[in-house]
């Protein structure tokens, strides 16, 4: 049986490292998805697609199809894999709900999908892997070994701010100054 394992990370670099380790462990490109914010990508790059390689260096060869897409409510992200293809389709109306719809259609619980979309909106990155039950423990070990965001703690922090679910109509998120 196939399952989807999803984790969020504070930085694109953490997510990129996870993808590298998954590939080294034998997980194929077709089973790995990455959607995230990268410091070198902003609104001015949203239409560049394949030109993303020049922006983010060696990561372009990380996954087949790595490129830039604009996701409703999130904006431009670096994305690759089956999740990115579904979210990109959502951006053109093929699937309701953008990233949330892409995640739920892959088997992620709707509450979790809203959290993952919000995590990306706020500058994080998400890695999702389709895997067999037999391969799942190794995938979980790799993903959890990279110190993903604690979903419960982060969702609680969002809720303390008044957040209830991902809103594709929300204004762009601006991190508070420290």
C-alpha atoms as a PDB file:
ATOM      1  CA  UNK A   1       0.000   0.000   0.000  1.00  0.00           C
ATOM      2  CA  UNK A   2       1.174   3.540  -0.733  1.00  0.00           C
ATOM      3  CA  UNK A   3       1.136   6.370   1.779  1.00  0.00           C
ATOM      4  CA  UNK A   4       2.158  10.019   1.718  1.00  0.00           C
ATOM      5  CA  UNK A   5       4.605  11.278   4.326  1.00  0.00           C
ATOM      6  CA  UNK A   6       4.843  15.054   4.602  1.00  0.00           C
ATOM      7  CA  UNK A   7       7.050  17.345   6.668  1.00  0.00           C
ATOM      8  CA  UNK A   8       7.627  21.095   6.753  1.00  0.00           C
ATOM      9  CA  UNK A   9      10.956  22.852   7.279  1.00  0.00           C
ATOM     10  CA  UNK A  10      11.813  26.426   8.170  1.00  0.00           C
ATOM     11  CA  UNK A  11      14.234  26.811   5.275  1.00  0.00           C
ATOM     12  CA  UNK A  12      14.477  25.716   1.685  1.00  0.00           C
ATOM     13  CA  UNK A  13      18.011  24.511   2.389  1.00  0.00           C
ATOM     14  CA  UNK A  14      16.750  22.059   5.035  1.00  0.00           C
ATOM     15  CA  UNK A  15      14.156  20.717   2.611  1.00  0.00           C
ATOM     16  CA  UNK A  16      16.744  20.458  -0.152  1.00  0.00           C
ATOM     17  CA  UNK A  17      19.003  18.449   2.171  1.00  0.00           C
ATOM     18  CA  UNK A  18      16.144  16.061   2.953  1.00  0.00           C
ATOM     19  CA  UNK A  19      15.487  15.533  -0.757  1.00  0.00           C
ATOM     20  CA  UNK A  20      19.159  14.740  -1.347  1.00  0.00           C
ATOM     21  CA  UNK A  21      19.148  12.177   1.469  1.00  0.00           C
ATOM     22  CA  UNK A  22      15.928  10.601   0.207  1.00  0.00           C
ATOM     23  CA  UNK A  23      17.406  10.246  -3.263  1.00  0.00           C
ATOM     24  CA  UNK A  24      20.623   8.775  -1.800  1.00  0.00           C
ATOM     25  CA  UNK A  25      18.435   6.213  -0.001  1.00  0.00           C
ATOM     26  CA  UNK A  26      16.871   5.152  -3.300  1.00  0.00           C
ATOM     27  CA  UNK A  27      13.616   7.120  -3.323  1.00  0.00           C
ATOM     28  CA  UNK A  28      12.892   8.086  -6.934  1.00  0.00           C
ATOM     29  CA  UNK A  29      12.253  11.616  -8.197  1.00  0.00           C
ATOM     30  CA  UNK A  30       8.738  10.603  -9.169  1.00  0.00           C
ATOM     31  CA  UNK A  31       7.911   9.880  -5.506  1.00  0.00           C
ATOM     32  CA  UNK A  32       9.383  13.077  -4.018  1.00  0.00           C
ATOM     33  CA  UNK A  33       7.827  16.525  -4.027  1.00  0.00           C
ATOM     34  CA  UNK A  34       9.219  19.810  -2.802  1.00  0.00           C
ATOM     35  CA  UNK A  35       7.345  23.107  -2.526  1.00  0.00           C
ATOM     36  CA  UNK A  36       9.007  25.990  -0.788  1.00  0.00           C
ATOM     37  CA  UNK A  37      10.198  29.496  -0.492  1.00  0.00           C
ATOM     38  CA  UNK A  38      13.742  30.271  -1.495  1.00  0.00           C
ATOM     39  CA  UNK A  39      15.478  33.490  -0.475  1.00  0.00           C
ATOM     40  CA  UNK A  40      16.440  34.260  -4.098  1.00  0.00           C
ATOM     41  CA  UNK A  41      12.889  33.973  -5.437  1.00  0.00           C
ATOM     42  CA  UNK A  42      10.393  36.811  -5.313  1.00  0.00           C
ATOM     43  CA  UNK A  43       7.431  38.123  -7.285  1.00  0.00           C
ATOM     44  CA  UNK A  44       9.701  39.346 -10.077  1.00  0.00           C
ATOM     45  CA  UNK A  45      10.781  35.748 -10.829  1.00  0.00           C
ATOM     46  CA  UNK A  46       7.327  34.144 -10.810  1.00  0.00           C
ATOM     47  CA  UNK A  47       7.143  33.631 -14.555  1.00  0.00           C
ATOM     48  CA  UNK A  48      10.653  32.271 -15.058  1.00  0.00           C
ATOM     49  CA  UNK A  49       9.910  28.581 -14.557  1.00  0.00           C
ATOM     50  CA  UNK A  50      12.888  26.684 -15.931  1.00  0.00           C
ATOM     51  CA  UNK A  51      15.156  29.685 -15.308  1.00  0.00           C
ATOM     52  CA  UNK A  52      15.123  28.871 -11.623  1.00  0.00           C
ATOM     53  CA  UNK A  53      18.461  27.039 -11.948  1.00  0.00           C
ATOM     54  CA  UNK A  54      20.368  30.289 -12.242  1.00  0.00           C
ATOM     55  CA  UNK A  55      18.707  31.579  -9.109  1.00  0.00           C
ATOM     56  CA  UNK A  56      19.306  28.667  -6.795  1.00  0.00           C
ATOM     57  CA  UNK A  57      22.535  27.183  -8.047  1.00  0.00           C
ATOM     58  CA  UNK A  58      23.094  23.446  -7.949  1.00  0.00           C
ATOM     59  CA  UNK A  59      19.646  22.661  -6.627  1.00  0.00           C
ATOM     60  CA  UNK A  60      18.202  22.757 -10.131  1.00  0.00           C
ATOM     61  CA  UNK A  61      19.384  19.214 -10.765  1.00  0.00           C
ATOM     62  CA  UNK A  62      17.951  18.020  -7.472  1.00  0.00           C
ATOM     63  CA  UNK A  63      14.609  16.900  -8.834  1.00  0.00           C
ATOM     64  CA  UNK A  64      13.337  16.581 -12.354  1.00  0.00           C
ATOM     65  CA  UNK A  65      11.062  19.457 -13.223  1.00  0.00           C
ATOM     66  CA  UNK A  66      12.268  21.875 -10.559  1.00  0.00           C
ATOM     67  CA  UNK A  67      10.933  25.285 -11.416  1.00  0.00           C
ATOM     68  CA  UNK A  68       8.984  28.287 -10.252  1.00  0.00           C
ATOM     69  CA  UNK A  69       5.233  28.266  -9.970  1.00  0.00           C
ATOM     70  CA  UNK A  70       2.817  30.742  -8.481  1.00  0.00           C
ATOM     71  CA  UNK A  71       0.321  29.196  -6.056  1.00  0.00           C
ATOM     72  CA  UNK A  72      -2.846  31.094  -5.111  1.00  0.00           C
ATOM     73  CA  UNK A  73      -2.480  32.663  -1.687  1.00  0.00           C
ATOM     74  CA  UNK A  74       1.217  31.851  -1.508  1.00  0.00           C
ATOM     75  CA  UNK A  75       2.838  33.411  -4.545  1.00  0.00           C
ATOM     76  CA  UNK A  76       5.990  32.237  -6.297  1.00  0.00           C
ATOM     77  CA  UNK A  77       7.632  29.105  -4.943  1.00  0.00           C
ATOM     78  CA  UNK A  78      10.344  26.711  -5.992  1.00  0.00           C
ATOM     79  CA  UNK A  79       8.578  23.450  -6.693  1.00  0.00           C
ATOM     80  CA  UNK A  80       9.115  19.995  -8.126  1.00  0.00           C
ATOM     81  CA  UNK A  81       7.450  16.602  -8.205  1.00  0.00           C
ATOM     82  CA  UNK A  82       3.932  15.300  -8.307  1.00  0.00           C
ATOM     83  CA  UNK A  83       2.678  17.686  -5.625  1.00  0.00           C
ATOM     84  CA  UNK A  84       3.993  20.680  -7.537  1.00  0.00           C
ATOM     85  CA  UNK A  85       2.362  19.462 -10.752  1.00  0.00           C
ATOM     86  CA  UNK A  86      -0.980  19.133  -8.968  1.00  0.00           C
ATOM     87  CA  UNK A  87      -0.634  22.549  -7.279  1.00  0.00           C
ATOM     88  CA  UNK A  88       0.332  24.139 -10.608  1.00  0.00           C
ATOM     89  CA  UNK A  89      -2.770  22.613 -12.147  1.00  0.00           C
ATOM     90  CA  UNK A  90      -4.751  24.098  -9.288  1.00  0.00           C
ATOM     91  CA  UNK A  91      -3.310  27.503 -10.091  1.00  0.00           C
ATOM     92  CA  UNK A  92      -4.838  27.226 -13.546  1.00  0.00           C
ATOM     93  CA  UNK A  93      -8.152  25.951 -12.227  1.00  0.00           C
ATOM     94  CA  UNK A  94      -7.623  22.225 -12.707  1.00  0.00           C
ATOM     95  CA  UNK A  95      -7.842  21.402  -9.004  1.00  0.00           C
ATOM     96  CA  UNK A  96      -9.743  23.297  -6.335  1.00  0.00           C
ATOM     97  CA  UNK A  97      -7.752  24.637  -3.450  1.00  0.00           C
ATOM     98  CA  UNK A  98      -4.208  25.191  -4.751  1.00  0.00           C
ATOM     99  CA  UNK A  99      -1.673  23.592  -2.436  1.00  0.00           C
ATOM    100  CA  UNK A 100      -4.354  22.530   0.053  1.00  0.00           C
ATOM    101  CA  UNK A 101      -6.220  20.686  -2.716  1.00  0.00           C
ATOM    102  CA  UNK A 102      -3.017  19.103  -3.993  1.00  0.00           C
ATOM    103  CA  UNK A 103      -2.136  17.860  -0.525  1.00  0.00           C
ATOM    104  CA  UNK A 104      -5.588  16.514   0.314  1.00  0.00           C
ATOM    105  CA  UNK A 105      -5.857  14.758  -3.043  1.00  0.00           C
ATOM    106  CA  UNK A 106      -2.618  12.950  -2.159  1.00  0.00           C
ATOM    107  CA  UNK A 107      -4.075  11.693   1.120  1.00  0.00           C
ATOM    108  CA  UNK A 108      -2.957  14.389   3.574  1.00  0.00           C
ATOM    109  CA  UNK A 109      -5.567  15.218   6.219  1.00  0.00           C
ATOM    110  CA  UNK A 110      -7.302  18.521   5.392  1.00  0.00           C
ATOM    111  CA  UNK A 111      -6.347  20.181   8.700  1.00  0.00           C
ATOM    112  CA  UNK A 112      -2.714  19.244   8.083  1.00  0.00           C
ATOM    113  CA  UNK A 113      -2.919  20.409   4.465  1.00  0.00           C
ATOM    114  CA  UNK A 114      -4.038  23.860   5.629  1.00  0.00           C
ATOM    115  CA  UNK A 115      -1.107  23.963   8.044  1.00  0.00           C
ATOM    116  CA  UNK A 116       1.428  22.936   5.352  1.00  0.00           C
ATOM    117  CA  UNK A 117       0.100  25.559   2.923  1.00  0.00           C
ATOM    118  CA  UNK A 118       0.349  28.218   5.635  1.00  0.00           C
ATOM    119  CA  UNK A 119       3.879  27.097   6.497  1.00  0.00           C
ATOM    120  CA  UNK A 120       4.915  27.671   2.867  1.00  0.00           C
ATOM    121  CA  UNK A 121       3.051  30.987   2.768  1.00  0.00           C
ATOM    122  CA  UNK A 122       5.073  32.095   5.795  1.00  0.00           C
ATOM    123  CA  UNK A 123       8.374  31.236   4.167  1.00  0.00           C
ATOM    124  CA  UNK A 124       8.851  27.537   4.883  1.00  0.00           C
ATOM    125  CA  UNK A 125       9.179  24.523   2.631  1.00  0.00           C
ATOM    126  CA  UNK A 126       7.321  21.234   2.427  1.00  0.00           C
ATOM    127  CA  UNK A 127       8.639  17.844   1.346  1.00  0.00           C
ATOM    128  CA  UNK A 128       6.114  15.110   0.565  1.00  0.00           C
ATOM    129  CA  UNK A 129       7.003  11.537  -0.311  1.00  0.00           C
ATOM    130  CA  UNK A 130       4.812   8.788  -1.725  1.00  0.00           C
ATOM    131  CA  UNK A 131       6.130   5.536  -0.321  1.00  0.00           C
ATOM    132  CA  UNK A 132       5.250   1.936   0.390  1.00  0.00           C
ATOM    133  CA  UNK A 133       4.552   0.738   3.904  1.00  0.00           C
ATOM    134  CA  UNK A 134       7.835  -1.182   3.794  1.00  0.00           C
ATOM    135  CA  UNK A 135       9.890   1.892   2.825  1.00  0.00           C
ATOM    136  CA  UNK A 136       8.027   4.283   5.161  1.00  0.00           C
ATOM    137  CA  UNK A 137      10.198   3.813   8.299  1.00  0.00           C
ATOM    138  CA  UNK A 138      13.361   4.745   6.369  1.00  0.00           C
ATOM    139  CA  UNK A 139      11.647   7.760   4.803  1.00  0.00           C
ATOM    140  CA  UNK A 140      10.355   8.936   8.193  1.00  0.00           C
ATOM    141  CA  UNK A 141      13.835   8.535   9.723  1.00  0.00           C
ATOM    142  CA  UNK A 142      15.393  10.683   6.992  1.00  0.00           C
ATOM    143  CA  UNK A 143      12.701  13.352   7.123  1.00  0.00           C
ATOM    144  CA  UNK A 144      12.606  13.526  10.919  1.00  0.00           C
ATOM    145  CA  UNK A 145      16.401  13.467  11.135  1.00  0.00           C
ATOM    146  CA  UNK A 146      16.507  16.871   9.459  1.00  0.00           C
ATOM    147  CA  UNK A 147      14.592  18.537  12.314  1.00  0.00           C
ATOM    148  CA  UNK A 148      11.282  19.372  10.668  1.00  0.00           C
ATOM    149  CA  UNK A 149       8.984  21.969  12.158  1.00  0.00           C
ATOM    150  CA  UNK A 150       6.950  20.571  15.045  1.00  0.00           C
ATOM    151  CA  UNK A 151       3.529  20.706  13.415  1.00  0.00           C
ATOM    152  CA  UNK A 152       1.516  20.814  16.638  1.00  0.00           C
ATOM    153  CA  UNK A 153       3.618  23.582  18.198  1.00  0.00           C
ATOM    154  CA  UNK A 154       3.677  25.700  15.044  1.00  0.00           C
ATOM    155  CA  UNK A 155      -0.049  25.279  14.375  1.00  0.00           C
ATOM    156  CA  UNK A 156      -0.720  26.292  17.998  1.00  0.00           C
ATOM    157  CA  UNK A 157       1.426  29.408  17.538  1.00  0.00           C
ATOM    158  CA  UNK A 158      -0.470  30.285  14.348  1.00  0.00           C
ATOM    159  CA  UNK A 159      -3.798  29.805  16.146  1.00  0.00           C
ATOM    160  CA  UNK A 160      -2.690  32.099  18.994  1.00  0.00           C
ATOM    161  CA  UNK A 161      -2.304  34.782  16.301  1.00  0.00           C
ATOM    162  CA  UNK A 162      -5.900  34.196  15.198  1.00  0.00           C
ATOM    163  CA  UNK A 163      -5.165  31.872  12.262  1.00  0.00           C
ATOM    164  CA  UNK A 164      -7.799  29.192  11.621  1.00  0.00           C
ATOM    165  CA  UNK A 165      -6.919  27.848   8.197  1.00  0.00           C
ATOM    166  CA  UNK A 166      -5.018  28.719   5.045  1.00  0.00           C
ATOM    167  CA  UNK A 167      -6.677  31.591   3.184  1.00  0.00           C
ATOM    168  CA  UNK A 168      -5.745  31.901  -0.506  1.00  0.00           C
ATOM    169  CA  UNK A 169      -7.102  35.461  -0.431  1.00  0.00           C
ATOM    170  CA  UNK A 170      -4.903  36.574   2.481  1.00  0.00           C
ATOM    171  CA  UNK A 171      -2.374  39.319   1.843  1.00  0.00           C
ATOM    172  CA  UNK A 172       1.271  38.291   1.510  1.00  0.00           C
ATOM    173  CA  UNK A 173       2.751  37.278   4.825  1.00  0.00           C
ATOM    174  CA  UNK A 174       5.427  39.548   6.265  1.00  0.00           C
ATOM    175  CA  UNK A 175       7.572  38.114   9.045  1.00  0.00           C
ATOM    176  CA  UNK A 176       7.542  40.276  12.192  1.00  0.00           C
ATOM    177  CA  UNK A 177      10.783  42.165  12.862  1.00  0.00           C
ATOM    178  CA  UNK A 178      12.884  40.840  15.692  1.00  0.00           C
END
